[in-house]
Protein backbone atom coordinates (compact mmCIF):
# COMPACT_ATOMS: atom_id res chain seq x y z
CA UNK A 1 -66.09 -28.85 -22.18
CA UNK A 2 -65.62 -31.92 -19.95
CA UNK A 3 -63.86 -33.71 -22.81
CA UNK A 4 -61.51 -30.75 -23.31
CA UNK A 5 -60.72 -30.61 -19.58
CA UNK A 6 -59.90 -34.34 -19.60
CA UNK A 7 -57.79 -33.95 -22.77
CA UNK A 8 -55.80 -31.17 -21.05
CA UNK A 9 -55.24 -33.35 -17.98
CA UNK A 10 -54.06 -36.24 -20.17
CA UNK A 11 -51.77 -33.95 -22.19
CA UNK A 12 -50.28 -32.49 -18.99
CA UNK A 13 -49.56 -35.95 -17.61
CA UNK A 14 -48.06 -37.25 -20.85
CA UNK A 15 -45.88 -34.16 -21.36
CA UNK A 16 -44.90 -33.48 -17.74
CA UNK A 17 -46.67 -30.13 -17.67
CA UNK A 18 -47.44 -29.09 -14.09
CA UNK A 19 -51.12 -28.21 -13.71
CA UNK A 20 -53.19 -27.64 -10.60
CA UNK A 21 -54.45 -30.68 -8.72
CA UNK A 22 -58.14 -31.58 -8.96
CA UNK A 23 -58.81 -30.44 -5.38
CA UNK A 24 -56.82 -27.27 -6.00
CA UNK A 25 -59.00 -26.39 -8.99
CA UNK A 26 -62.19 -27.11 -7.04
CA UNK A 27 -60.95 -24.83 -4.24
CA UNK A 28 -60.05 -22.07 -6.73
CA UNK A 29 -63.40 -22.25 -8.54
CA UNK A 30 -65.34 -22.20 -5.27
CA UNK A 31 -63.26 -19.24 -4.03
CA UNK A 32 -63.90 -17.27 -7.24
CA UNK A 33 -67.61 -18.02 -7.01
CA UNK A 34 -68.00 -17.17 -3.31
CA UNK A 35 -65.98 -13.92 -3.53
CA UNK A 36 -67.71 -12.72 -6.72
CA UNK A 37 -64.36 -12.43 -8.54
CA UNK A 38 -64.68 -11.10 -12.09
CA UNK A 39 -61.24 -9.80 -13.16
CA UNK A 40 -58.27 -12.18 -12.84
CA UNK A 41 -54.56 -11.97 -13.64
CA UNK A 42 -52.77 -15.31 -13.91
CA UNK A 43 -48.99 -15.56 -13.84
CA UNK A 44 -48.11 -18.84 -15.55
CA UNK A 45 -50.65 -20.06 -18.11
CA UNK A 46 -48.99 -23.40 -18.91
CA UNK A 47 -51.53 -25.05 -21.28
CA UNK A 48 -54.50 -22.93 -20.19
CA UNK A 49 -56.03 -25.50 -17.83
CA UNK A 50 -56.54 -23.30 -14.77
CA UNK A 51 -57.53 -20.25 -16.86
CA UNK A 52 -60.27 -22.24 -18.61
CA UNK A 53 -61.45 -23.75 -15.30
CA UNK A 54 -61.58 -20.27 -13.70
CA UNK A 55 -63.43 -18.79 -16.69
CA UNK A 56 -66.01 -21.58 -16.45
CA UNK A 57 -67.16 -20.37 -13.02
CA UNK A 58 -69.15 -17.44 -14.43
CA UNK A 59 -69.71 -15.79 -17.82
CA UNK A 60 -68.74 -12.34 -16.49
CA UNK A 61 -65.17 -13.44 -15.66
CA UNK A 62 -62.32 -11.87 -17.64
CA UNK A 63 -58.79 -13.28 -17.40
CA UNK A 64 -55.37 -12.09 -18.52
CA UNK A 65 -52.82 -14.91 -18.39
CA UNK A 66 -49.07 -14.63 -19.00
CA UNK A 67 -46.83 -17.49 -20.22
CA UNK A 68 -43.17 -17.32 -21.27
CA UNK A 69 -42.79 -20.85 -22.72
CA UNK A 70 -43.76 -20.73 -26.40
CA UNK A 71 -44.83 -24.38 -26.74
CA UNK A 72 -47.10 -24.10 -23.69
CA UNK A 73 -48.40 -20.73 -24.84
CA UNK A 74 -49.35 -22.14 -28.28
CA UNK A 75 -51.05 -25.14 -26.63
CA UNK A 76 -52.95 -22.80 -24.28
CA UNK A 77 -54.06 -20.71 -27.27
CA UNK A 78 -55.34 -23.85 -28.99
CA UNK A 79 -57.20 -24.94 -25.83
CA UNK A 80 -58.75 -21.51 -25.23
CA UNK A 81 -60.00 -21.50 -28.84
CA UNK A 82 -61.44 -25.01 -28.44
CA UNK A 83 -63.25 -23.76 -25.31
CA UNK A 84 -64.55 -20.70 -27.27
CA UNK A 85 -63.19 -18.41 -24.55
CA UNK A 86 -61.00 -16.09 -26.68
CA UNK A 87 -63.18 -13.10 -25.75
CA UNK A 88 -62.77 -13.74 -22.03
CA UNK A 89 -59.23 -15.12 -21.73
CA UNK A 90 -56.42 -12.90 -23.04
CA UNK A 91 -53.12 -14.77 -23.39
CA UNK A 92 -49.81 -12.91 -23.33
CA UNK A 93 -46.64 -14.61 -24.56
CA UNK A 94 -43.79 -12.98 -22.63
CA UNK A 95 -41.80 -13.07 -19.43
CA UNK A 96 -44.14 -11.70 -16.74
CA UNK A 97 -41.50 -9.20 -15.62
CA UNK A 98 -41.57 -7.59 -19.08
CA UNK A 99 -45.34 -7.13 -19.11
CA UNK A 100 -46.79 -3.73 -18.23
CA UNK A 101 -50.47 -3.68 -17.29
CA UNK A 102 -52.56 -0.68 -16.27
CA UNK A 103 -55.77 -2.35 -15.18
CA UNK A 104 -56.86 -3.54 -11.74
CA UNK A 105 -57.72 -7.10 -10.71
CA UNK A 106 -59.89 -8.76 -8.05
CA UNK A 107 -57.59 -11.78 -8.01
CA UNK A 108 -53.98 -12.41 -8.97
CA UNK A 109 -53.14 -16.09 -9.31
CA UNK A 110 -49.42 -16.95 -9.12
CA UNK A 111 -48.55 -20.35 -10.56
CA UNK A 112 -45.21 -19.83 -12.30
CA UNK A 113 -41.50 -20.14 -11.40
CA UNK A 114 -41.67 -20.90 -7.67
CA UNK A 115 -38.31 -19.25 -6.95
CA UNK A 116 -39.76 -15.94 -8.17
CA UNK A 117 -42.89 -15.84 -5.96
CA UNK A 118 -41.75 -12.85 -3.89
CA UNK A 119 -40.79 -10.91 -7.03
CA UNK A 120 -44.13 -11.76 -8.67
CA UNK A 121 -46.00 -10.63 -5.56
CA UNK A 122 -44.09 -7.34 -5.37
CA UNK A 123 -44.35 -6.69 -9.11
CA UNK A 124 -48.08 -7.33 -9.49
CA UNK A 125 -49.66 -6.59 -6.09
CA UNK A 126 -50.00 -2.86 -7.00
CA UNK A 127 -52.54 -4.00 -9.65
CA UNK A 128 -54.83 -5.48 -7.01
CA UNK A 129 -58.18 -3.88 -6.24
CA UNK A 130 -58.96 -2.82 -2.69
CA UNK A 131 -59.75 -5.97 -0.66
CA UNK A 132 -58.51 -8.13 -3.54
CA UNK A 133 -56.72 -11.49 -3.25
CA UNK A 134 -53.44 -13.04 -4.32
CA UNK A 135 -53.49 -16.83 -4.52
CA UNK A 136 -50.29 -18.86 -4.91
CA UNK A 137 -50.07 -22.57 -5.75
CA UNK A 138 -47.40 -25.14 -4.75
CA UNK A 139 -46.73 -23.72 -1.29
CA UNK A 140 -45.58 -27.11 0.04
CA UNK A 141 -43.61 -28.19 -3.06
CA UNK A 142 -44.51 -31.91 -2.93
CA UNK A 143 -44.35 -31.90 0.87
CA UNK A 144 -40.66 -30.90 0.96
CA UNK A 145 -41.28 -27.46 2.50
CA UNK A 146 -42.44 -29.09 5.73
CA UNK A 147 -39.73 -31.77 5.70
CA UNK A 148 -36.86 -31.19 8.14
CA UNK A 149 -34.21 -33.38 6.51
CA UNK A 150 -33.54 -32.57 2.87
CA UNK A 151 -30.08 -34.19 2.71
CA UNK A 152 -31.28 -36.72 0.11
CA UNK A 153 -32.48 -33.96 -2.23
CA UNK A 154 -30.40 -32.27 -4.94
CA UNK A 155 -28.86 -28.85 -4.36
CA UNK A 156 -31.39 -27.29 -6.78
CA UNK A 157 -34.33 -28.81 -4.92
CA UNK A 158 -32.94 -27.62 -1.57
CA UNK A 159 -32.56 -24.09 -3.00
CA UNK A 160 -36.12 -24.16 -4.31
CA UNK A 161 -37.48 -25.30 -0.95
CA UNK A 162 -35.55 -22.53 0.79
CA UNK A 163 -37.04 -19.94 -1.57
CA UNK A 164 -40.58 -21.21 -0.96
CA UNK A 165 -39.96 -21.17 2.80
CA UNK A 166 -38.77 -17.56 2.42
CA UNK A 167 -42.02 -16.80 0.60
CA UNK A 168 -44.00 -18.26 3.53
CA UNK A 169 -42.09 -15.91 5.83
CA UNK A 170 -42.56 -13.00 3.47
CA UNK A 171 -46.35 -13.50 3.45
CA UNK A 172 -46.43 -13.80 7.25
CA UNK A 173 -44.60 -10.49 7.63
CA UNK A 174 -46.80 -8.45 5.28
CA UNK A 175 -48.71 -5.86 7.30
CA UNK A 176 -51.26 -4.92 4.65
CA UNK A 177 -52.26 -8.52 3.80
CA UNK A 178 -53.71 -11.40 5.75
CA UNK A 179 -52.40 -14.73 4.43
CA UNK A 180 -53.62 -18.27 5.03
CA UNK A 181 -52.02 -21.44 3.65
CA UNK A 182 -54.41 -24.29 2.98
CA UNK A 183 -53.35 -27.95 2.89
CA UNK A 184 -55.09 -28.48 -0.41
CA UNK A 185 -53.33 -30.08 -3.36
CA UNK A 186 -49.69 -29.01 -3.17
CA UNK A 187 -50.53 -26.17 -0.75
CA UNK A 188 -52.42 -23.01 -1.67
CA UNK A 189 -51.93 -19.62 -0.06
CA UNK A 190 -54.61 -16.95 -0.05
CA UNK A 191 -53.43 -13.42 0.73
CA UNK A 192 -56.21 -10.90 1.29
CA UNK A 193 -55.44 -7.22 0.84
CA UNK A 194 -56.63 -5.47 3.97
CA UNK A 195 -57.36 -2.06 2.45
């Protein structure tokens, strides 16, 4: 398994596939372990790195992971098979907004198109169990979210930063969730459903 994890890291680096930082993964695995999480929905599979790392926490963990990029989806499928986790990780190739799910989850992990974070939260939060959690990666977007002067950045980057800042505000204003942003990796938010 360690070899596969390293191979995935190498592949991600060589092919510019964004995957969670090492400290981000450690945080996520520890969180899943400590909160006895067993049923996870992941928005944004990429090559299956985080799904496999999450599944490795405990044998009772079941994951549904959605990916819209076909090349990444196929690579994730290959990696999940290599990890012998096909029975515990269900991969869905589609745009997340087209996917209808009826089951409930202990944890929803959002690691997809950053500009869509609010839409992802609104779309999938009804699937969260009572006292469940929504975790979002890349809350600081390479440190740019906290940077005051973005005049050297492209228009697209500035727009992205603005959308992530809006998501910060959105989380802060939610009455039925308590959200904390941790300075781990590229910034990780944990939103706990209060009822």
